[in-house]
N, C-alpha and C. Protein backbone atom coordinates (compact mmCIF):
# COMPACT_ATOMS: atom_id res chain seq x y z
N UNK A 1 0.82 -1.18 0.00
CA UNK A 1 0.00 0.00 0.00
C UNK A 1 0.87 1.25 0.00
N UNK A 2 1.97 1.20 0.74
CA UNK A 2 2.88 2.36 0.75
C UNK A 2 3.42 2.64 -0.64
N UNK A 3 3.69 1.55 -1.41
CA UNK A 3 4.19 1.73 -2.78
C UNK A 3 3.17 2.46 -3.63
N UNK A 4 1.91 2.13 -3.49
CA UNK A 4 0.86 2.80 -4.27
C UNK A 4 0.81 4.28 -3.88
N UNK A 5 0.90 4.55 -2.59
CA UNK A 5 0.87 5.95 -2.14
C UNK A 5 2.06 6.73 -2.70
N UNK A 6 3.25 6.09 -2.72
CA UNK A 6 4.43 6.77 -3.25
C UNK A 6 4.28 7.02 -4.75
N UNK A 7 3.80 5.99 -5.48
CA UNK A 7 3.64 6.14 -6.93
C UNK A 7 2.62 7.21 -7.27
N UNK A 8 1.54 7.21 -6.56
CA UNK A 8 0.47 8.16 -6.85
C UNK A 8 0.74 9.53 -6.22
N UNK A 9 1.61 9.55 -5.22
CA UNK A 9 1.85 10.80 -4.52
C UNK A 9 0.58 11.31 -3.85
N UNK A 10 -0.20 10.37 -3.33
CA UNK A 10 -1.54 10.71 -2.85
C UNK A 10 -1.61 10.66 -1.33
N UNK A 11 -1.49 11.81 -0.66
CA UNK A 11 -1.66 11.80 0.79
C UNK A 11 -3.08 11.41 1.20
N UNK A 12 -4.06 11.68 0.33
CA UNK A 12 -5.43 11.31 0.62
C UNK A 12 -5.58 9.79 0.70
N UNK A 13 -4.93 9.08 -0.22
CA UNK A 13 -4.99 7.62 -0.21
C UNK A 13 -4.37 7.08 1.07
N UNK A 14 -3.25 7.68 1.48
CA UNK A 14 -2.60 7.26 2.71
C UNK A 14 -3.52 7.48 3.91
N UNK A 15 -4.21 8.61 3.92
CA UNK A 15 -5.16 8.91 4.99
C UNK A 15 -6.30 7.88 5.00
N UNK A 16 -6.81 7.52 3.82
CA UNK A 16 -7.88 6.53 3.74
C UNK A 16 -7.43 5.17 4.26
N UNK A 17 -6.20 4.79 3.95
CA UNK A 17 -5.66 3.52 4.44
C UNK A 17 -5.57 3.55 5.96
N UNK A 18 -5.08 4.66 6.51
CA UNK A 18 -4.98 4.79 7.97
C UNK A 18 -6.36 4.75 8.62
N UNK A 19 -7.33 5.41 8.01
CA UNK A 19 -8.69 5.42 8.57
C UNK A 19 -9.31 4.04 8.54
N UNK A 20 -9.12 3.29 7.45
CA UNK A 20 -9.70 1.95 7.38
C UNK A 20 -9.03 1.03 8.39
N UNK A 21 -7.73 1.20 8.60
CA UNK A 21 -7.02 0.40 9.60
C UNK A 21 -7.54 0.73 10.99
N UNK A 22 -7.77 2.01 11.26
CA UNK A 22 -8.30 2.43 12.56
C UNK A 22 -9.68 1.81 12.79
N UNK A 23 -10.57 1.89 11.79
CA UNK A 23 -11.92 1.35 11.92
C UNK A 23 -11.89 -0.16 12.09
N UNK A 24 -10.96 -0.82 11.45
CA UNK A 24 -10.88 -2.28 11.52
C UNK A 24 -10.42 -2.74 12.91
N UNK A 25 -9.57 -1.95 13.55
CA UNK A 25 -8.98 -2.38 14.81
C UNK A 25 -9.59 -1.74 16.05
N UNK A 26 -10.41 -0.74 15.91
CA UNK A 26 -10.98 -0.05 17.06
C UNK A 26 -12.50 -0.20 17.09
N UNK A 27 -13.09 0.23 18.19
CA UNK A 27 -14.54 0.10 18.35
C UNK A 27 -15.25 0.85 17.22
N UNK A 28 -16.11 0.14 16.53
CA UNK A 28 -16.81 0.68 15.37
C UNK A 28 -18.27 0.92 15.70
N UNK A 29 -18.87 -0.01 16.42
CA UNK A 29 -20.27 0.10 16.83
C UNK A 29 -20.33 -0.11 18.33
N UNK A 30 -21.05 0.76 19.01
CA UNK A 30 -21.24 0.60 20.45
C UNK A 30 -22.70 0.88 20.76
N UNK A 31 -23.39 -0.15 21.26
CA UNK A 31 -24.79 -0.02 21.62
C UNK A 31 -24.96 -0.65 23.00
N UNK A 32 -25.37 0.15 23.96
CA UNK A 32 -25.51 -0.32 25.34
C UNK A 32 -24.23 -1.00 25.78
N UNK A 33 -24.30 -2.31 26.04
CA UNK A 33 -23.11 -3.04 26.49
C UNK A 33 -22.43 -3.77 25.35
N UNK A 34 -22.94 -3.67 24.13
CA UNK A 34 -22.36 -4.38 22.99
C UNK A 34 -21.40 -3.46 22.24
N UNK A 35 -20.19 -3.94 22.02
CA UNK A 35 -19.21 -3.18 21.25
C UNK A 35 -18.60 -4.11 20.21
N UNK A 36 -18.29 -3.55 19.04
CA UNK A 36 -17.69 -4.35 17.99
C UNK A 36 -16.71 -3.51 17.19
N UNK A 37 -15.59 -4.14 16.85
CA UNK A 37 -14.63 -3.48 15.97
C UNK A 37 -14.88 -3.98 14.55
N UNK A 38 -14.22 -3.38 13.60
CA UNK A 38 -14.36 -3.81 12.21
C UNK A 38 -13.96 -5.26 12.03
N UNK A 39 -12.89 -5.69 12.72
CA UNK A 39 -12.46 -7.09 12.58
C UNK A 39 -13.47 -8.04 13.20
N UNK A 40 -14.12 -7.64 14.30
CA UNK A 40 -15.17 -8.47 14.91
C UNK A 40 -16.32 -8.67 13.93
N UNK A 41 -16.74 -7.56 13.32
CA UNK A 41 -17.88 -7.61 12.41
C UNK A 41 -17.54 -8.44 11.18
N UNK A 42 -16.38 -8.21 10.59
CA UNK A 42 -15.97 -8.97 9.41
C UNK A 42 -15.87 -10.46 9.73
N UNK A 43 -15.28 -10.79 10.86
CA UNK A 43 -15.13 -12.19 11.24
C UNK A 43 -16.44 -12.88 11.53
N UNK A 44 -17.45 -12.14 11.96
CA UNK A 44 -18.73 -12.75 12.31
C UNK A 44 -19.49 -13.26 11.10
N UNK A 45 -19.11 -12.81 9.90
CA UNK A 45 -19.81 -13.25 8.70
C UNK A 45 -19.14 -14.43 8.01
N UNK A 46 -18.08 -14.97 8.59
CA UNK A 46 -17.42 -16.14 8.02
C UNK A 46 -18.32 -17.36 8.21
N UNK A 47 -18.15 -18.37 7.36
CA UNK A 47 -18.95 -19.59 7.47
C UNK A 47 -18.86 -20.19 8.87
N UNK A 48 -20.01 -20.50 9.43
CA UNK A 48 -20.07 -21.14 10.73
C UNK A 48 -19.88 -20.21 11.91
N UNK A 49 -19.62 -18.94 11.67
CA UNK A 49 -19.36 -18.00 12.78
C UNK A 49 -20.58 -17.20 13.19
N UNK A 50 -21.56 -17.09 12.31
CA UNK A 50 -22.69 -16.22 12.61
C UNK A 50 -23.79 -17.01 13.31
N UNK A 51 -23.45 -17.54 14.47
CA UNK A 51 -24.38 -18.41 15.17
C UNK A 51 -25.06 -17.74 16.36
N UNK A 52 -24.45 -16.75 16.95
CA UNK A 52 -25.01 -16.16 18.16
C UNK A 52 -25.86 -14.93 17.90
N UNK A 53 -25.66 -14.24 16.82
CA UNK A 53 -26.48 -13.09 16.50
C UNK A 53 -26.15 -11.84 17.28
N UNK A 54 -24.97 -11.78 17.86
CA UNK A 54 -24.59 -10.64 18.69
C UNK A 54 -24.68 -9.34 17.90
N UNK A 55 -24.14 -9.32 16.69
CA UNK A 55 -24.11 -8.08 15.93
C UNK A 55 -25.47 -7.78 15.32
N UNK A 56 -26.23 -8.81 14.99
CA UNK A 56 -27.58 -8.61 14.46
C UNK A 56 -28.43 -7.90 15.51
N UNK A 57 -28.41 -8.40 16.73
CA UNK A 57 -29.21 -7.80 17.80
C UNK A 57 -28.72 -6.40 18.15
N UNK A 58 -27.40 -6.20 18.19
CA UNK A 58 -26.86 -4.87 18.49
C UNK A 58 -27.24 -3.88 17.40
N UNK A 59 -27.19 -4.32 16.14
CA UNK A 59 -27.53 -3.43 15.04
C UNK A 59 -29.02 -3.09 15.07
N UNK A 60 -29.87 -4.07 15.39
CA UNK A 60 -31.31 -3.80 15.49
C UNK A 60 -31.59 -2.78 16.60
N UNK A 61 -30.91 -2.92 17.73
CA UNK A 61 -31.07 -1.95 18.82
C UNK A 61 -30.61 -0.57 18.38
N UNK A 62 -29.50 -0.52 17.65
CA UNK A 62 -28.99 0.74 17.12
C UNK A 62 -30.01 1.39 16.20
N UNK A 63 -30.62 0.60 15.30
CA UNK A 63 -31.63 1.13 14.37
C UNK A 63 -32.84 1.68 15.12
N UNK A 64 -33.30 0.97 16.14
CA UNK A 64 -34.45 1.44 16.91
C UNK A 64 -34.16 2.74 17.64
N UNK A 65 -32.98 2.84 18.25
CA UNK A 65 -32.63 4.07 18.96
C UNK A 65 -32.48 5.23 17.98
N UNK A 66 -31.91 4.94 16.82
CA UNK A 66 -31.76 5.98 15.80
C UNK A 66 -33.13 6.45 15.30
N UNK A 67 -34.04 5.51 15.10
CA UNK A 67 -35.38 5.87 14.65
C UNK A 67 -36.12 6.68 15.71
N UNK A 68 -35.98 6.29 16.98
CA UNK A 68 -36.64 7.01 18.06
C UNK A 68 -36.14 8.46 18.10
N UNK A 69 -34.85 8.65 17.87
CA UNK A 69 -34.26 9.99 17.91
C UNK A 69 -34.59 10.80 16.66
N UNK A 70 -34.44 10.18 15.48
CA UNK A 70 -34.55 10.92 14.21
C UNK A 70 -35.94 10.94 13.59
N UNK A 71 -36.73 9.90 13.84
CA UNK A 71 -38.06 9.81 13.22
C UNK A 71 -39.10 9.35 14.24
N UNK A 72 -39.39 10.16 15.24
CA UNK A 72 -40.33 9.72 16.28
C UNK A 72 -41.72 9.42 15.75
N UNK A 73 -42.10 10.00 14.60
CA UNK A 73 -43.42 9.74 14.04
C UNK A 73 -43.58 8.30 13.54
N UNK A 74 -42.48 7.62 13.20
CA UNK A 74 -42.58 6.23 12.74
C UNK A 74 -42.03 5.25 13.76
N UNK A 75 -41.55 5.76 14.90
CA UNK A 75 -40.97 4.86 15.90
C UNK A 75 -42.02 3.86 16.38
N UNK A 76 -41.63 2.60 16.42
CA UNK A 76 -42.51 1.54 16.90
C UNK A 76 -43.29 0.85 15.80
N UNK A 77 -43.27 1.38 14.59
CA UNK A 77 -43.98 0.70 13.49
C UNK A 77 -43.22 -0.54 13.03
N UNK A 78 -41.89 -0.46 12.81
CA UNK A 78 -41.16 -1.71 12.61
C UNK A 78 -40.70 -2.24 13.98
N UNK A 79 -40.90 -3.50 14.22
CA UNK A 79 -40.49 -4.13 15.48
C UNK A 79 -39.43 -5.17 15.14
N UNK A 80 -38.25 -4.99 15.70
CA UNK A 80 -37.17 -5.95 15.51
C UNK A 80 -37.17 -6.92 16.68
N UNK A 81 -37.40 -8.18 16.40
CA UNK A 81 -37.31 -9.17 17.47
C UNK A 81 -35.86 -9.66 17.54
N UNK A 82 -35.38 -9.98 18.73
CA UNK A 82 -34.00 -10.47 18.83
C UNK A 82 -33.88 -11.88 18.23
N UNK A 83 -32.67 -12.26 17.91
CA UNK A 83 -32.43 -13.57 17.30
C UNK A 83 -32.84 -14.71 18.23
N UNK A 84 -32.94 -14.46 19.52
CA UNK A 84 -33.34 -15.51 20.45
C UNK A 84 -34.77 -15.98 20.16
N UNK A 85 -35.62 -15.10 19.62
CA UNK A 85 -36.99 -15.50 19.27
C UNK A 85 -36.96 -16.49 18.11
N UNK A 86 -36.16 -16.20 17.09
CA UNK A 86 -36.03 -17.13 15.96
C UNK A 86 -35.47 -18.46 16.43
N UNK A 87 -34.54 -18.42 17.36
CA UNK A 87 -33.97 -19.66 17.89
C UNK A 87 -35.04 -20.51 18.57
N UNK A 88 -35.94 -19.87 19.32
CA UNK A 88 -37.00 -20.63 20.00
C UNK A 88 -38.04 -21.16 19.02
N UNK A 89 -38.34 -20.39 17.98
CA UNK A 89 -39.31 -20.85 16.98
C UNK A 89 -38.80 -22.04 16.19
N UNK A 90 -37.52 -22.05 15.92
CA UNK A 90 -36.92 -23.06 15.05
C UNK A 90 -36.07 -24.05 15.84
N UNK A 91 -36.33 -24.17 17.13
CA UNK A 91 -35.44 -24.89 18.03
C UNK A 91 -35.25 -26.37 17.67
N UNK A 92 -36.28 -27.01 17.15
CA UNK A 92 -36.13 -28.44 16.86
C UNK A 92 -35.20 -28.70 15.68
N UNK A 93 -34.93 -27.66 14.87
CA UNK A 93 -34.02 -27.81 13.73
C UNK A 93 -32.63 -27.26 14.00
N UNK A 94 -32.39 -26.75 15.19
CA UNK A 94 -31.10 -26.15 15.52
C UNK A 94 -30.34 -27.09 16.44
N UNK A 95 -29.14 -27.43 16.03
CA UNK A 95 -28.30 -28.28 16.86
C UNK A 95 -27.32 -27.39 17.61
N UNK A 96 -27.39 -27.43 18.91
CA UNK A 96 -26.47 -26.68 19.77
C UNK A 96 -25.84 -27.67 20.75
N UNK A 97 -24.55 -27.60 20.88
CA UNK A 97 -23.81 -28.47 21.81
C UNK A 97 -24.14 -29.94 21.57
N UNK A 98 -24.27 -30.32 20.31
CA UNK A 98 -24.47 -31.72 19.95
C UNK A 98 -25.87 -32.26 20.13
N UNK A 99 -26.86 -31.42 20.40
CA UNK A 99 -28.22 -31.92 20.58
C UNK A 99 -29.27 -30.90 20.17
N UNK A 100 -30.51 -31.39 20.10
CA UNK A 100 -31.64 -30.52 19.77
C UNK A 100 -32.57 -30.45 20.97
N UNK A 101 -33.29 -29.35 21.08
CA UNK A 101 -34.28 -29.21 22.14
C UNK A 101 -35.66 -29.27 21.52
N UNK A 102 -36.67 -29.48 22.36
CA UNK A 102 -38.05 -29.52 21.88
C UNK A 102 -38.66 -28.13 21.95
N UNK A 103 -39.57 -27.86 21.02
CA UNK A 103 -40.30 -26.59 21.02
C UNK A 103 -41.31 -26.60 22.17
N UNK A 104 -41.31 -25.53 22.97
CA UNK A 104 -42.24 -25.39 24.09
C UNK A 104 -42.90 -24.02 23.96
N UNK A 105 -44.21 -24.01 23.70
CA UNK A 105 -44.95 -22.77 23.47
C UNK A 105 -44.86 -21.82 24.66
N UNK A 106 -44.95 -22.33 25.88
CA UNK A 106 -44.88 -21.46 27.06
C UNK A 106 -43.53 -20.75 27.18
N UNK A 107 -42.46 -21.43 26.82
CA UNK A 107 -41.13 -20.80 26.84
C UNK A 107 -41.08 -19.66 25.84
N UNK A 108 -41.62 -19.90 24.64
CA UNK A 108 -41.66 -18.85 23.61
C UNK A 108 -42.52 -17.67 24.07
N UNK A 109 -43.70 -17.95 24.63
CA UNK A 109 -44.61 -16.89 25.09
C UNK A 109 -43.95 -16.05 26.19
N UNK A 110 -43.31 -16.70 27.16
CA UNK A 110 -42.62 -15.97 28.23
C UNK A 110 -41.50 -15.10 27.67
N UNK A 111 -40.76 -15.66 26.73
CA UNK A 111 -39.65 -14.90 26.14
C UNK A 111 -40.16 -13.70 25.35
N UNK A 112 -41.23 -13.89 24.58
CA UNK A 112 -41.82 -12.78 23.83
C UNK A 112 -42.30 -11.68 24.77
N UNK A 113 -42.91 -12.07 25.89
CA UNK A 113 -43.33 -11.09 26.89
C UNK A 113 -42.15 -10.27 27.40
N UNK A 114 -41.04 -10.96 27.64
CA UNK A 114 -39.85 -10.28 28.15
C UNK A 114 -39.24 -9.32 27.13
N UNK A 115 -39.08 -9.78 25.89
CA UNK A 115 -38.36 -8.97 24.90
C UNK A 115 -39.24 -7.90 24.25
N UNK A 116 -40.56 -8.07 24.31
CA UNK A 116 -41.45 -7.10 23.67
C UNK A 116 -42.24 -6.27 24.69
N UNK A 117 -41.83 -6.30 25.95
CA UNK A 117 -42.59 -5.59 26.98
C UNK A 117 -42.64 -4.08 26.74
N UNK A 118 -41.68 -3.52 26.05
CA UNK A 118 -41.64 -2.07 25.80
C UNK A 118 -42.29 -1.68 24.48
N UNK A 119 -42.81 -2.65 23.72
CA UNK A 119 -43.33 -2.40 22.38
C UNK A 119 -44.85 -2.31 22.40
N UNK A 120 -45.39 -1.28 21.76
CA UNK A 120 -46.84 -1.18 21.58
C UNK A 120 -47.21 -1.95 20.31
N UNK A 121 -47.62 -3.19 20.48
CA UNK A 121 -47.90 -4.07 19.35
C UNK A 121 -49.01 -3.51 18.47
N UNK A 122 -49.97 -2.80 19.04
CA UNK A 122 -51.08 -2.24 18.24
C UNK A 122 -50.57 -1.29 17.16
N UNK A 123 -49.48 -0.59 17.41
CA UNK A 123 -48.93 0.36 16.45
C UNK A 123 -47.98 -0.25 15.44
N UNK A 124 -47.65 -1.52 15.62
CA UNK A 124 -46.67 -2.16 14.73
C UNK A 124 -47.24 -2.39 13.34
N UNK A 125 -46.44 -2.09 12.35
CA UNK A 125 -46.80 -2.33 10.95
C UNK A 125 -45.97 -3.45 10.35
N UNK A 126 -44.84 -3.74 10.96
CA UNK A 126 -43.91 -4.72 10.42
C UNK A 126 -43.15 -5.35 11.58
N UNK A 127 -43.10 -6.67 11.62
CA UNK A 127 -42.31 -7.37 12.62
C UNK A 127 -41.18 -8.08 11.90
N UNK A 128 -39.96 -7.74 12.28
CA UNK A 128 -38.78 -8.29 11.63
C UNK A 128 -38.19 -9.37 12.52
N UNK A 129 -38.08 -10.57 11.97
CA UNK A 129 -37.55 -11.72 12.69
C UNK A 129 -36.28 -12.18 11.99
N UNK A 130 -35.10 -11.82 12.52
CA UNK A 130 -33.86 -12.23 11.86
C UNK A 130 -33.63 -13.73 12.00
N UNK A 131 -33.14 -14.33 10.94
CA UNK A 131 -32.79 -15.76 10.93
C UNK A 131 -31.29 -15.85 10.71
N UNK A 132 -30.61 -16.54 11.60
CA UNK A 132 -29.16 -16.63 11.51
C UNK A 132 -28.73 -17.69 10.51
N UNK A 133 -27.52 -17.54 10.02
CA UNK A 133 -26.92 -18.48 9.10
C UNK A 133 -26.99 -19.90 9.69
N UNK A 134 -27.41 -20.85 8.88
CA UNK A 134 -27.52 -22.27 9.25
C UNK A 134 -28.65 -22.58 10.22
N UNK A 135 -29.50 -21.61 10.54
CA UNK A 135 -30.61 -21.85 11.46
C UNK A 135 -31.93 -22.05 10.73
N UNK A 136 -31.92 -22.13 9.43
CA UNK A 136 -33.18 -22.28 8.69
C UNK A 136 -33.09 -23.43 7.71
């Protein structure tokens, strides 16, 4: 990369390289207690790595907070459910720690009550249910 910068004589290119390196190695997204660097995010999309949904849930929380701040008139119309809901819905097809669990409606209902307690369902126009890689 230094050779390209020298050939082009481009301080801007050098600055862009430094900025991308900074973003890759430092905190890029921070939502509540979730933090991710560029390398964390890039690595989470590799085959077999996107199993926990940490960044999906953090990004959904980020979108909701941004919408509440920037577009209060539409806040609450899209509802992002956490990946744990998809895991409970599809539990009999998901192998975790070498085994499968059985679907239990009461467990799903209790979990939905917990994660959607702050949502006015009557105002919802769209419910988004993320599905993780290899979970469908």
